[in-house]
């Protein structure tokens, strides 16, 4: 069988894979990594689900191994998220430098990637409650009834909605200060795209929920794709 031809693109952006979580859509993550021949790969935060490496099973380690191999032939940028391991552990584990945000230029336009938790007021003002909330959220994802309840909460809870809007506003405000035309976030686990004052905002959702999303940048432009 002939080898599948990879699609050449300039940049691939993924976030919130949460390796170590049993609900990770690991096959789909690998499918995306194998589909594209990207000059730059941006891992926009929460790639790991903390320091509990015993929760990583073989498919999760395969993703980390694939990223390590890719980093040898192209630029891979790991942006630190609120659930990621310590930056020194990330560097030692994958040989990939971790940063808090990444600003780059292409074709006369500036692009900014930042995880987004920096703009989450609920997380920053209620750390203990937010940890409890994330635990409940993680448990709800494990079965169909829990997912139904979670979808209802995300669609109807005003605090959840305000946090998502707040992250978008904060990210676009920072993009404007840094003269960026596009800004990319994760963190909220809500796929979203909007434009305001000539600044485009993209949120790539999460790989622990369906659908998941990622961004490609190529001659066809900046595209938020779902899988």
N, C-alpha and C. Protein backbone atom coordinates (compact mmCIF):
# COMPACT_ATOMS: atom_id res chain seq x y z
N UNK A 1 0.85 -1.20 0.00
CA UNK A 1 0.00 0.00 0.00
C UNK A 1 0.89 1.25 0.00
N UNK A 2 0.63 2.21 -0.92
CA UNK A 2 1.47 3.41 -0.98
C UNK A 2 1.33 4.25 0.28
N UNK A 3 2.43 4.90 0.67
CA UNK A 3 2.44 5.72 1.87
C UNK A 3 1.62 6.98 1.64
N UNK A 4 0.79 7.32 2.62
CA UNK A 4 -0.07 8.49 2.51
C UNK A 4 0.76 9.77 2.46
N UNK A 5 0.50 10.62 1.47
CA UNK A 5 1.22 11.86 1.31
C UNK A 5 0.76 12.87 2.37
N UNK A 6 1.71 13.41 3.12
CA UNK A 6 1.35 14.38 4.14
C UNK A 6 1.03 15.73 3.52
N UNK A 7 0.14 16.45 4.16
CA UNK A 7 -0.24 17.79 3.70
C UNK A 7 0.74 18.81 4.27
N UNK A 8 1.42 19.54 3.40
CA UNK A 8 2.41 20.52 3.84
C UNK A 8 1.72 21.80 4.29
N UNK A 9 2.04 22.24 5.50
CA UNK A 9 1.50 23.48 6.04
C UNK A 9 2.62 24.23 6.76
N UNK A 10 2.35 25.48 7.06
CA UNK A 10 3.36 26.26 7.79
C UNK A 10 3.33 25.97 9.28
N UNK A 11 2.11 25.99 9.87
CA UNK A 11 2.01 25.86 11.33
C UNK A 11 0.81 25.01 11.72
N UNK A 12 1.01 24.18 12.75
CA UNK A 12 -0.05 23.37 13.34
C UNK A 12 -0.15 23.73 14.82
N UNK A 13 -1.35 24.02 15.30
CA UNK A 13 -1.56 24.42 16.69
C UNK A 13 -2.57 23.49 17.36
N UNK A 14 -2.14 22.89 18.48
CA UNK A 14 -3.02 22.05 19.28
C UNK A 14 -2.91 22.47 20.74
N UNK A 15 -3.94 22.23 21.50
CA UNK A 15 -3.88 22.51 22.94
C UNK A 15 -4.70 21.49 23.71
N UNK A 16 -4.53 21.47 25.02
CA UNK A 16 -5.39 20.72 25.94
C UNK A 16 -5.57 19.25 25.55
N UNK A 17 -4.44 18.58 25.31
CA UNK A 17 -4.49 17.13 25.06
C UNK A 17 -4.70 16.39 26.38
N UNK A 18 -4.12 16.89 27.46
CA UNK A 18 -4.29 16.33 28.81
C UNK A 18 -3.86 14.86 28.88
N UNK A 19 -2.66 14.58 28.40
CA UNK A 19 -2.13 13.22 28.49
C UNK A 19 -2.09 12.77 29.94
N UNK A 20 -2.62 11.60 30.21
CA UNK A 20 -2.77 11.11 31.57
C UNK A 20 -4.23 11.00 31.96
N UNK A 21 -5.08 11.70 31.23
CA UNK A 21 -6.53 11.60 31.41
C UNK A 21 -7.02 10.42 30.56
N UNK A 22 -7.83 9.55 31.13
CA UNK A 22 -8.26 8.36 30.40
C UNK A 22 -9.21 8.65 29.24
N UNK A 23 -9.73 9.89 29.17
CA UNK A 23 -10.66 10.22 28.09
C UNK A 23 -9.98 10.87 26.89
N UNK A 24 -8.65 10.95 26.90
CA UNK A 24 -7.92 11.57 25.78
C UNK A 24 -8.22 10.83 24.47
N UNK A 25 -8.50 11.57 23.43
CA UNK A 25 -8.74 10.98 22.10
C UNK A 25 -7.38 10.80 21.42
N UNK A 26 -6.59 9.86 21.94
CA UNK A 26 -5.20 9.71 21.52
C UNK A 26 -5.05 9.29 20.06
N UNK A 27 -5.95 8.46 19.56
CA UNK A 27 -5.86 8.04 18.16
C UNK A 27 -6.05 9.23 17.21
N UNK A 28 -6.97 10.13 17.60
CA UNK A 28 -7.23 11.30 16.76
C UNK A 28 -6.06 12.28 16.81
N UNK A 29 -5.43 12.41 17.99
CA UNK A 29 -4.25 13.27 18.10
C UNK A 29 -3.14 12.78 17.18
N UNK A 30 -2.87 11.48 17.23
CA UNK A 30 -1.83 10.89 16.37
C UNK A 30 -2.19 11.03 14.90
N UNK A 31 -3.46 10.91 14.59
CA UNK A 31 -3.92 11.04 13.20
C UNK A 31 -3.60 12.43 12.66
N UNK A 32 -3.82 13.46 13.49
CA UNK A 32 -3.54 14.84 13.09
C UNK A 32 -2.03 15.04 12.93
N UNK A 33 -1.24 14.54 13.88
CA UNK A 33 0.21 14.70 13.81
C UNK A 33 0.79 14.01 12.58
N UNK A 34 0.17 12.91 12.16
CA UNK A 34 0.66 12.17 10.99
C UNK A 34 0.13 12.75 9.67
N UNK A 35 -0.97 13.49 9.75
CA UNK A 35 -1.58 14.02 8.52
C UNK A 35 -0.80 15.17 7.93
N UNK A 36 -0.17 15.98 8.81
CA UNK A 36 0.45 17.22 8.33
C UNK A 36 1.98 17.18 8.42
N UNK A 37 2.59 17.82 7.45
CA UNK A 37 4.03 18.08 7.47
C UNK A 37 4.17 19.57 7.76
N UNK A 38 4.23 19.91 9.05
CA UNK A 38 4.23 21.31 9.48
C UNK A 38 5.64 21.79 9.77
N UNK A 39 5.95 22.99 9.32
CA UNK A 39 7.25 23.58 9.62
C UNK A 39 7.36 23.95 11.10
N UNK A 40 6.22 24.32 11.70
CA UNK A 40 6.19 24.70 13.12
C UNK A 40 4.99 24.02 13.77
N UNK A 41 5.20 23.47 14.96
CA UNK A 41 4.11 22.89 15.74
C UNK A 41 4.05 23.63 17.08
N UNK A 42 2.88 24.15 17.40
CA UNK A 42 2.70 24.86 18.67
C UNK A 42 1.77 24.04 19.56
N UNK A 43 2.28 23.66 20.71
CA UNK A 43 1.51 22.93 21.72
C UNK A 43 1.05 23.96 22.74
N UNK A 44 -0.20 24.38 22.61
CA UNK A 44 -0.65 25.58 23.33
C UNK A 44 -1.22 25.27 24.72
N UNK A 45 -0.44 24.55 25.51
CA UNK A 45 -0.77 24.38 26.92
C UNK A 45 -1.61 23.17 27.27
N UNK A 46 -1.44 22.69 28.50
CA UNK A 46 -2.15 21.53 29.06
C UNK A 46 -2.01 20.30 28.17
N UNK A 47 -0.79 20.07 27.72
CA UNK A 47 -0.51 18.85 26.97
C UNK A 47 -0.45 17.68 27.93
N UNK A 48 0.08 17.91 29.10
CA UNK A 48 0.11 16.90 30.16
C UNK A 48 -0.99 17.20 31.18
N UNK A 49 -1.38 16.18 31.92
CA UNK A 49 -2.37 16.36 32.96
C UNK A 49 -1.68 16.25 34.32
N UNK A 50 -0.69 17.11 34.55
CA UNK A 50 0.03 17.10 35.81
C UNK A 50 1.21 16.15 35.80
N UNK A 51 1.68 15.80 36.99
CA UNK A 51 2.91 15.02 37.15
C UNK A 51 2.67 13.52 37.36
N UNK A 52 1.44 13.07 37.27
CA UNK A 52 1.15 11.66 37.53
C UNK A 52 1.41 10.82 36.29
N UNK A 53 2.70 10.59 36.03
CA UNK A 53 3.10 9.88 34.81
C UNK A 53 2.66 8.42 34.80
N UNK A 54 2.30 7.87 35.97
CA UNK A 54 1.83 6.49 36.00
C UNK A 54 0.48 6.34 35.28
N UNK A 55 -0.19 7.48 35.08
CA UNK A 55 -1.47 7.44 34.37
C UNK A 55 -1.30 7.45 32.84
N UNK A 56 -0.08 7.68 32.39
CA UNK A 56 0.18 7.67 30.95
C UNK A 56 0.25 6.22 30.46
N UNK A 57 -0.63 5.85 29.52
CA UNK A 57 -0.51 4.50 28.97
C UNK A 57 0.23 4.56 27.65
N UNK A 58 0.36 3.45 26.98
CA UNK A 58 1.25 3.34 25.81
C UNK A 58 0.92 4.34 24.71
N UNK A 59 -0.37 4.59 24.46
CA UNK A 59 -0.75 5.55 23.41
C UNK A 59 -0.33 6.97 23.77
N UNK A 60 -0.37 7.29 25.06
CA UNK A 60 0.05 8.62 25.50
C UNK A 60 1.56 8.79 25.33
N UNK A 61 2.31 7.75 25.70
CA UNK A 61 3.76 7.80 25.51
C UNK A 61 4.11 7.86 24.03
N UNK A 62 3.28 7.25 23.18
CA UNK A 62 3.53 7.30 21.74
C UNK A 62 3.39 8.72 21.22
N UNK A 63 2.42 9.46 21.74
CA UNK A 63 2.26 10.86 21.35
C UNK A 63 3.48 11.67 21.77
N UNK A 64 3.95 11.48 23.01
CA UNK A 64 5.14 12.19 23.48
C UNK A 64 6.37 11.82 22.66
N UNK A 65 6.49 10.54 22.31
CA UNK A 65 7.61 10.10 21.50
C UNK A 65 7.56 10.71 20.10
N UNK A 66 6.36 10.79 19.54
CA UNK A 66 6.18 11.41 18.21
C UNK A 66 6.57 12.87 18.24
N UNK A 67 6.16 13.58 19.29
CA UNK A 67 6.51 15.01 19.42
C UNK A 67 8.01 15.20 19.57
N UNK A 68 8.64 14.32 20.33
CA UNK A 68 10.10 14.41 20.50
C UNK A 68 10.81 14.20 19.16
N UNK A 69 10.34 13.23 18.37
CA UNK A 69 10.94 12.98 17.06
C UNK A 69 10.72 14.16 16.12
N UNK A 70 9.53 14.70 16.14
CA UNK A 70 9.22 15.85 15.28
C UNK A 70 10.08 17.05 15.63
N UNK A 71 10.39 17.22 16.91
CA UNK A 71 11.18 18.38 17.35
C UNK A 71 12.61 18.35 16.83
N UNK A 72 13.05 17.21 16.32
CA UNK A 72 14.40 17.10 15.79
C UNK A 72 14.51 17.65 14.37
N UNK A 73 13.37 17.78 13.68
CA UNK A 73 13.40 18.20 12.28
C UNK A 73 12.62 19.48 12.00
N UNK A 74 11.96 20.02 13.02
CA UNK A 74 11.19 21.26 12.84
C UNK A 74 11.05 21.96 14.19
N UNK A 75 10.55 23.16 14.16
CA UNK A 75 10.37 23.92 15.40
C UNK A 75 9.12 23.45 16.13
N UNK A 76 9.29 23.04 17.38
CA UNK A 76 8.16 22.68 18.23
C UNK A 76 8.19 23.59 19.46
N UNK A 77 7.10 24.29 19.69
CA UNK A 77 7.01 25.23 20.82
C UNK A 77 5.95 24.71 21.78
N UNK A 78 6.36 24.49 23.03
CA UNK A 78 5.43 24.06 24.07
C UNK A 78 5.12 25.24 24.97
N UNK A 79 3.88 25.70 24.94
CA UNK A 79 3.46 26.82 25.78
C UNK A 79 2.88 26.26 27.08
N UNK A 80 3.39 26.75 28.18
CA UNK A 80 3.04 26.18 29.48
C UNK A 80 1.61 26.49 29.86
N UNK A 81 0.85 25.44 30.21
CA UNK A 81 -0.52 25.59 30.67
C UNK A 81 -0.63 25.35 32.16
N UNK A 82 -1.78 25.61 32.73
CA UNK A 82 -1.94 25.49 34.18
C UNK A 82 -1.95 24.04 34.67
N UNK A 83 -2.12 23.07 33.77
CA UNK A 83 -2.08 21.66 34.18
C UNK A 83 -0.78 20.97 33.78
N UNK A 84 0.08 21.66 33.05
CA UNK A 84 1.33 21.04 32.61
C UNK A 84 2.30 20.84 33.77
N UNK A 85 3.23 19.92 33.55
CA UNK A 85 4.29 19.68 34.53
C UNK A 85 5.23 20.89 34.57
N UNK A 86 6.14 20.90 35.54
CA UNK A 86 7.15 21.95 35.66
C UNK A 86 7.94 22.05 34.35
N UNK A 87 8.32 23.27 33.99
CA UNK A 87 8.99 23.49 32.70
C UNK A 87 10.28 22.69 32.56
N UNK A 88 11.00 22.50 33.67
CA UNK A 88 12.25 21.73 33.58
C UNK A 88 11.97 20.27 33.28
N UNK A 89 10.85 19.76 33.79
CA UNK A 89 10.47 18.37 33.50
C UNK A 89 10.10 18.22 32.04
N UNK A 90 9.37 19.20 31.51
CA UNK A 90 8.99 19.17 30.10
C UNK A 90 10.24 19.17 29.21
N UNK A 91 11.19 20.05 29.54
CA UNK A 91 12.42 20.14 28.75
C UNK A 91 13.21 18.85 28.81
N UNK A 92 13.33 18.26 30.01
CA UNK A 92 14.08 17.02 30.16
C UNK A 92 13.38 15.84 29.50
N UNK A 93 12.06 15.85 29.55
CA UNK A 93 11.27 14.74 29.01
C UNK A 93 11.29 14.71 27.49
N UNK A 94 11.14 15.88 26.88
CA UNK A 94 11.01 15.93 25.42
C UNK A 94 12.12 16.69 24.71
N UNK A 95 12.93 17.40 25.48
CA UNK A 95 13.94 18.21 24.82
C UNK A 95 13.34 19.42 24.14
N UNK A 96 12.12 19.79 24.56
CA UNK A 96 11.42 20.94 23.96
C UNK A 96 11.34 22.05 25.00
N UNK A 97 11.78 23.23 24.64
CA UNK A 97 11.73 24.36 25.55
C UNK A 97 10.28 24.79 25.77
N UNK A 98 9.95 25.10 27.02
CA UNK A 98 8.60 25.57 27.35
C UNK A 98 8.62 27.07 27.62
N UNK A 99 7.62 27.77 27.09
CA UNK A 99 7.53 29.22 27.26
C UNK A 99 6.12 29.57 27.74
N UNK A 100 5.93 30.81 28.21
CA UNK A 100 4.61 31.24 28.67
C UNK A 100 3.73 31.75 27.55
N UNK A 101 4.34 32.28 26.53
CA UNK A 101 3.61 32.73 25.34
C UNK A 101 4.57 32.76 24.17
N UNK A 102 4.02 32.80 22.97
CA UNK A 102 4.87 32.75 21.77
C UNK A 102 4.34 33.74 20.74
N UNK A 103 5.19 34.65 20.32
CA UNK A 103 4.84 35.65 19.31
C UNK A 103 5.73 35.44 18.10
N UNK A 104 5.13 35.36 16.91
CA UNK A 104 5.92 35.17 15.71
C UNK A 104 5.29 35.93 14.54
N UNK A 105 6.05 36.05 13.47
CA UNK A 105 5.60 36.83 12.31
C UNK A 105 5.68 35.98 11.05
N UNK A 106 4.70 36.14 10.18
CA UNK A 106 4.69 35.43 8.91
C UNK A 106 3.89 36.25 7.89
N UNK A 107 4.47 36.43 6.73
CA UNK A 107 3.81 37.17 5.64
C UNK A 107 3.32 38.54 6.08
N UNK A 108 4.13 39.21 6.90
CA UNK A 108 3.79 40.56 7.31
C UNK A 108 2.75 40.66 8.42
N UNK A 109 2.33 39.54 8.98
CA UNK A 109 1.36 39.55 10.06
C UNK A 109 1.97 38.93 11.32
N UNK A 110 1.48 39.39 12.48
CA UNK A 110 1.97 38.87 13.75
C UNK A 110 0.93 37.95 14.37
N UNK A 111 1.43 36.87 15.00
CA UNK A 111 0.57 35.86 15.61
C UNK A 111 1.02 35.64 17.05
N UNK A 112 0.05 35.46 17.94
CA UNK A 112 0.33 35.25 19.35
C UNK A 112 -0.38 33.99 19.83
N UNK A 113 0.36 33.12 20.51
CA UNK A 113 -0.23 31.93 21.14
C UNK A 113 0.02 32.00 22.64
N UNK A 114 -1.01 31.82 23.42
CA UNK A 114 -0.92 31.82 24.88
C UNK A 114 -2.02 30.90 25.39
N UNK A 115 -1.75 30.13 26.45
CA UNK A 115 -2.73 29.12 26.85
C UNK A 115 -4.08 29.71 27.20
N UNK A 116 -4.10 30.77 28.00
CA UNK A 116 -5.36 31.45 28.30
C UNK A 116 -5.76 31.47 29.75
N UNK A 117 -5.16 30.62 30.60
CA UNK A 117 -5.53 30.60 32.02
C UNK A 117 -5.18 31.90 32.72
N UNK A 118 -4.28 32.65 32.12
CA UNK A 118 -3.89 33.95 32.70
C UNK A 118 -5.07 34.91 32.75
N UNK A 119 -6.07 34.69 31.89
CA UNK A 119 -7.22 35.59 31.79
C UNK A 119 -8.47 35.02 32.46
N UNK A 120 -8.31 33.88 33.13
CA UNK A 120 -9.44 33.21 33.79
C UNK A 120 -9.56 33.74 35.22
N UNK A 121 -10.46 34.67 35.44
CA UNK A 121 -10.60 35.31 36.75
C UNK A 121 -11.07 34.31 37.81
N UNK A 122 -11.97 33.41 37.44
CA UNK A 122 -12.47 32.44 38.42
C UNK A 122 -11.34 31.55 38.91
N UNK A 123 -10.50 31.07 37.99
CA UNK A 123 -9.37 30.22 38.35
C UNK A 123 -8.40 30.98 39.25
N UNK A 124 -8.08 32.20 38.88
CA UNK A 124 -7.08 32.98 39.62
C UNK A 124 -7.58 33.46 40.97
N UNK A 125 -8.90 33.65 41.11
CA UNK A 125 -9.45 34.16 42.37
C UNK A 125 -10.00 33.07 43.29
N UNK A 126 -10.18 31.87 42.74
CA UNK A 126 -10.78 30.77 43.52
C UNK A 126 -10.02 29.48 43.24
N UNK A 127 -8.75 29.44 43.59
CA UNK A 127 -7.89 28.32 43.20
C UNK A 127 -8.41 26.97 43.72
N UNK A 128 -8.77 26.91 45.01
CA UNK A 128 -9.21 25.63 45.59
C UNK A 128 -10.52 25.18 44.96
N UNK A 129 -11.48 26.11 44.85
CA UNK A 129 -12.77 25.77 44.24
C UNK A 129 -12.57 25.33 42.79
N UNK A 130 -11.67 25.99 42.07
CA UNK A 130 -11.43 25.64 40.67
C UNK A 130 -10.84 24.24 40.55
N UNK A 131 -10.01 23.84 41.52
CA UNK A 131 -9.45 22.49 41.51
C UNK A 131 -10.54 21.44 41.74
N UNK A 132 -11.46 21.75 42.65
CA UNK A 132 -12.59 20.86 42.91
C UNK A 132 -13.48 20.77 41.67
N UNK A 133 -13.71 21.92 41.04
CA UNK A 133 -14.53 21.97 39.84
C UNK A 133 -13.91 21.13 38.72
N UNK A 134 -12.58 21.21 38.56
CA UNK A 134 -11.92 20.44 37.51
C UNK A 134 -12.02 18.94 37.80
N UNK A 135 -11.94 18.56 39.08
CA UNK A 135 -12.07 17.14 39.44
C UNK A 135 -13.47 16.64 39.06
N UNK A 136 -14.50 17.41 39.41
CA UNK A 136 -15.88 17.02 39.06
C UNK A 136 -16.04 16.94 37.54
N UNK A 137 -15.46 17.92 36.86
CA UNK A 137 -15.50 17.94 35.39
C UNK A 137 -14.85 16.68 34.81
N UNK A 138 -13.70 16.27 35.37
CA UNK A 138 -12.99 15.08 34.90
C UNK A 138 -13.82 13.82 35.10
N UNK A 139 -14.56 13.75 36.23
CA UNK A 139 -15.39 12.59 36.50
C UNK A 139 -16.60 12.53 35.58
N UNK A 140 -17.19 13.68 35.28
CA UNK A 140 -18.37 13.72 34.43
C UNK A 140 -18.08 13.25 33.00
N UNK A 141 -16.85 13.42 32.54
CA UNK A 141 -16.51 13.05 31.16
C UNK A 141 -16.44 11.55 30.94
N UNK A 142 -16.48 10.77 32.01
CA UNK A 142 -16.18 9.34 31.93
C UNK A 142 -17.34 8.50 31.39
N UNK A 143 -18.57 9.04 31.36
CA UNK A 143 -19.68 8.25 30.83
C UNK A 143 -20.68 9.14 30.11
N UNK A 144 -21.60 8.52 29.39
CA UNK A 144 -22.53 9.25 28.54
C UNK A 144 -23.43 10.19 29.33
N UNK A 145 -23.92 9.74 30.49
CA UNK A 145 -24.79 10.59 31.30
C UNK A 145 -24.02 11.80 31.82
N UNK A 146 -22.78 11.55 32.28
CA UNK A 146 -21.94 12.65 32.76
C UNK A 146 -21.66 13.66 31.67
N UNK A 147 -21.39 13.17 30.45
CA UNK A 147 -21.13 14.07 29.33
C UNK A 147 -22.34 14.92 29.01
N UNK A 148 -23.54 14.30 29.12
CA UNK A 148 -24.78 15.05 28.87
C UNK A 148 -24.92 16.17 29.90
N UNK A 149 -24.67 15.85 31.17
CA UNK A 149 -24.74 16.85 32.24
C UNK A 149 -23.72 17.96 32.01
N UNK A 150 -22.50 17.56 31.62
CA UNK A 150 -21.44 18.52 31.38
C UNK A 150 -21.79 19.47 30.24
N UNK A 151 -22.34 18.93 29.14
CA UNK A 151 -22.75 19.77 28.02
C UNK A 151 -23.82 20.76 28.44
N UNK A 152 -24.74 20.30 29.29
CA UNK A 152 -25.81 21.18 29.77
C UNK A 152 -25.22 22.33 30.59
N UNK A 153 -24.29 21.98 31.48
CA UNK A 153 -23.66 23.00 32.33
C UNK A 153 -22.91 24.02 31.47
N UNK A 154 -22.13 23.53 30.50
CA UNK A 154 -21.33 24.42 29.66
C UNK A 154 -22.21 25.35 28.84
N UNK A 155 -23.38 24.86 28.43
CA UNK A 155 -24.27 25.67 27.59
C UNK A 155 -25.16 26.60 28.39
N UNK A 156 -25.32 26.34 29.70
CA UNK A 156 -26.29 27.12 30.47
C UNK A 156 -25.71 27.82 31.70
N UNK A 157 -24.54 27.38 32.18
CA UNK A 157 -23.96 28.00 33.37
C UNK A 157 -23.31 29.34 33.01
N UNK A 158 -23.76 30.41 33.67
CA UNK A 158 -23.28 31.74 33.33
C UNK A 158 -21.82 31.96 33.71
N UNK A 159 -21.37 31.33 34.82
CA UNK A 159 -19.97 31.47 35.22
C UNK A 159 -19.06 30.86 34.16
N UNK A 160 -19.42 29.67 33.66
CA UNK A 160 -18.63 29.00 32.62
C UNK A 160 -18.58 29.88 31.37
N UNK A 161 -19.74 30.43 30.99
CA UNK A 161 -19.80 31.28 29.79
C UNK A 161 -18.95 32.54 29.97
N UNK A 162 -19.05 33.16 31.17
CA UNK A 162 -18.29 34.39 31.42
C UNK A 162 -16.79 34.12 31.37
N UNK A 163 -16.35 32.97 31.89
CA UNK A 163 -14.93 32.64 31.86
C UNK A 163 -14.43 32.51 30.44
N UNK A 164 -15.23 31.86 29.58
CA UNK A 164 -14.84 31.69 28.18
C UNK A 164 -14.75 33.04 27.48
N UNK A 165 -15.73 33.89 27.74
CA UNK A 165 -15.73 35.24 27.15
C UNK A 165 -14.57 36.05 27.71
N UNK A 166 -14.31 35.90 29.00
CA UNK A 166 -13.22 36.65 29.64
C UNK A 166 -11.86 36.27 29.09
N UNK A 167 -11.66 34.98 28.83
CA UNK A 167 -10.39 34.54 28.25
C UNK A 167 -10.21 35.14 26.86
N UNK A 168 -11.28 35.14 26.07
CA UNK A 168 -11.21 35.71 24.72
C UNK A 168 -10.89 37.20 24.78
N UNK A 169 -11.57 37.92 25.67
CA UNK A 169 -11.34 39.36 25.79
C UNK A 169 -9.91 39.66 26.23
N UNK A 170 -9.44 38.93 27.24
CA UNK A 170 -8.08 39.15 27.73
C UNK A 170 -7.04 38.86 26.68
N UNK A 171 -7.24 37.77 25.94
CA UNK A 171 -6.29 37.38 24.89
C UNK A 171 -6.25 38.41 23.77
N UNK A 172 -7.42 38.91 23.38
CA UNK A 172 -7.47 39.90 22.29
C UNK A 172 -6.89 41.23 22.74
N UNK A 173 -7.07 41.55 24.03
CA UNK A 173 -6.47 42.79 24.57
C UNK A 173 -4.95 42.70 24.54
N UNK A 174 -4.41 41.54 24.94
CA UNK A 174 -2.96 41.36 24.90
C UNK A 174 -2.45 41.37 23.46
N UNK A 175 -3.20 40.75 22.56
CA UNK A 175 -2.81 40.75 21.14
C UNK A 175 -2.71 42.18 20.60
N UNK A 176 -3.67 43.01 20.99
CA UNK A 176 -3.64 44.40 20.54
C UNK A 176 -2.42 45.13 21.08
N UNK A 177 -2.07 44.89 22.35
CA UNK A 177 -0.90 45.52 22.94
C UNK A 177 0.39 45.07 22.27
N UNK A 178 0.40 43.82 21.77
CA UNK A 178 1.59 43.27 21.15
C UNK A 178 1.55 43.38 19.62
N UNK A 179 0.55 44.12 19.12
CA UNK A 179 0.40 44.35 17.68
C UNK A 179 0.25 43.05 16.89
N UNK A 180 -0.44 42.07 17.49
CA UNK A 180 -0.68 40.80 16.81
C UNK A 180 -2.02 40.84 16.08
N UNK A 181 -2.08 40.22 14.92
CA UNK A 181 -3.30 40.17 14.12
C UNK A 181 -4.19 38.98 14.48
N UNK A 182 -3.57 37.92 15.00
CA UNK A 182 -4.28 36.71 15.38
C UNK A 182 -3.80 36.27 16.76
N UNK A 183 -4.71 35.72 17.57
CA UNK A 183 -4.31 35.18 18.86
C UNK A 183 -4.99 33.82 19.05
N UNK A 184 -4.23 32.86 19.62
CA UNK A 184 -4.70 31.49 19.79
C UNK A 184 -4.64 31.10 21.25
N UNK A 185 -5.73 30.50 21.76
CA UNK A 185 -5.80 30.05 23.14
C UNK A 185 -6.35 28.63 23.22
N UNK A 186 -6.25 28.06 24.42
CA UNK A 186 -6.92 26.82 24.77
C UNK A 186 -7.65 27.07 26.06
N UNK A 187 -7.44 26.22 27.06
CA UNK A 187 -7.86 26.38 28.45
C UNK A 187 -9.37 26.22 28.67
N UNK A 188 -10.22 26.88 27.90
CA UNK A 188 -11.65 26.89 28.19
C UNK A 188 -12.35 25.59 27.79
N UNK A 189 -11.71 24.78 26.95
CA UNK A 189 -12.29 23.55 26.40
C UNK A 189 -13.53 23.85 25.56
N UNK A 190 -13.64 25.06 25.07
CA UNK A 190 -14.74 25.44 24.20
C UNK A 190 -14.19 25.95 22.87
N UNK A 191 -14.51 25.25 21.80
CA UNK A 191 -14.05 25.64 20.47
C UNK A 191 -14.72 26.95 20.10
N UNK A 192 -13.91 27.90 19.71
CA UNK A 192 -14.48 29.23 19.46
C UNK A 192 -13.62 30.01 18.47
N UNK A 193 -14.28 30.84 17.69
CA UNK A 193 -13.60 31.70 16.72
C UNK A 193 -14.37 33.01 16.62
N UNK A 194 -13.66 34.13 16.70
CA UNK A 194 -14.32 35.42 16.55
C UNK A 194 -13.32 36.47 16.07
N UNK A 195 -13.85 37.60 15.62
CA UNK A 195 -13.00 38.70 15.19
C UNK A 195 -13.57 40.01 15.72
N UNK A 196 -12.68 40.84 16.26
CA UNK A 196 -13.09 42.14 16.77
C UNK A 196 -11.93 43.12 16.60
N UNK A 197 -12.25 44.30 16.11
CA UNK A 197 -11.24 45.34 15.90
C UNK A 197 -10.04 44.82 15.09
N UNK A 198 -10.34 44.01 14.08
CA UNK A 198 -9.34 43.47 13.14
C UNK A 198 -8.38 42.46 13.80
N UNK A 199 -8.75 41.95 14.98
CA UNK A 199 -7.97 40.90 15.63
C UNK A 199 -8.80 39.62 15.64
N UNK A 200 -8.25 38.54 15.15
CA UNK A 200 -8.95 37.26 15.10
C UNK A 200 -8.52 36.38 16.27
N UNK A 201 -9.51 35.80 16.93
CA UNK A 201 -9.29 34.94 18.10
C UNK A 201 -9.73 33.52 17.79
N UNK A 202 -8.89 32.55 18.17
CA UNK A 202 -9.21 31.14 17.96
C UNK A 202 -8.99 30.38 19.27
N UNK A 203 -9.95 29.53 19.64
CA UNK A 203 -9.76 28.64 20.77
C UNK A 203 -9.90 27.20 20.28
N UNK A 204 -8.88 26.38 20.57
CA UNK A 204 -8.81 25.04 20.00
C UNK A 204 -9.42 23.95 20.89
N UNK A 205 -10.23 24.35 21.88
CA UNK A 205 -10.98 23.36 22.64
C UNK A 205 -10.12 22.36 23.39
N UNK A 206 -10.52 21.08 23.37
CA UNK A 206 -9.84 20.06 24.15
C UNK A 206 -9.90 18.71 23.43
N UNK A 207 -8.88 17.88 23.69
CA UNK A 207 -8.84 16.52 23.11
C UNK A 207 -9.40 15.49 24.07
N UNK A 208 -10.08 15.93 25.13
CA UNK A 208 -10.77 15.01 26.02
C UNK A 208 -12.29 15.07 25.78
N UNK A 209 -12.69 15.82 24.76
CA UNK A 209 -14.10 15.95 24.42
C UNK A 209 -14.29 15.86 22.91
N UNK A 210 -15.52 15.60 22.51
CA UNK A 210 -15.87 15.51 21.10
C UNK A 210 -16.86 16.62 20.76
N UNK A 211 -16.63 17.39 19.68
CA UNK A 211 -15.46 17.30 18.80
C UNK A 211 -14.24 17.96 19.44
N UNK A 212 -13.08 17.66 18.89
CA UNK A 212 -11.84 18.34 19.24
C UNK A 212 -11.47 19.26 18.09
N UNK A 213 -10.51 20.15 18.32
CA UNK A 213 -10.17 21.11 17.27
C UNK A 213 -8.68 21.42 17.26
N UNK A 214 -8.24 21.92 16.14
CA UNK A 214 -6.86 22.36 15.98
C UNK A 214 -6.82 23.41 14.89
N UNK A 215 -5.72 24.13 14.79
CA UNK A 215 -5.57 25.19 13.79
C UNK A 215 -4.45 24.83 12.82
N UNK A 216 -4.70 25.07 11.54
CA UNK A 216 -3.65 24.97 10.54
C UNK A 216 -3.44 26.34 9.91
N UNK A 217 -2.17 26.63 9.63
CA UNK A 217 -1.82 27.87 8.94
C UNK A 217 -1.04 27.49 7.69
N UNK A 218 -1.55 27.95 6.54
CA UNK A 218 -0.92 27.60 5.26
C UNK A 218 -1.26 28.68 4.24
N UNK A 219 -0.99 28.40 2.99
CA UNK A 219 -1.32 29.35 1.92
C UNK A 219 -2.82 29.56 1.82
N UNK A 220 -3.60 28.64 2.39
CA UNK A 220 -5.06 28.75 2.39
C UNK A 220 -5.56 29.62 3.54
N UNK A 221 -4.64 30.11 4.39
CA UNK A 221 -5.00 30.96 5.50
C UNK A 221 -4.98 30.25 6.83
N UNK A 222 -5.60 30.87 7.83
CA UNK A 222 -5.69 30.30 9.17
C UNK A 222 -7.05 29.63 9.31
N UNK A 223 -7.04 28.32 9.58
CA UNK A 223 -8.28 27.55 9.59
C UNK A 223 -8.42 26.78 10.90
N UNK A 224 -9.56 26.95 11.58
CA UNK A 224 -9.88 26.17 12.76
C UNK A 224 -10.64 24.93 12.31
N UNK A 225 -10.05 23.78 12.53
CA UNK A 225 -10.60 22.51 12.04
C UNK A 225 -11.09 21.66 13.21
N UNK A 226 -12.16 20.90 12.96
CA UNK A 226 -12.70 20.01 13.98
C UNK A 226 -12.60 18.57 13.54
N UNK A 227 -12.45 17.68 14.52
CA UNK A 227 -12.33 16.27 14.23
C UNK A 227 -13.09 15.45 15.28
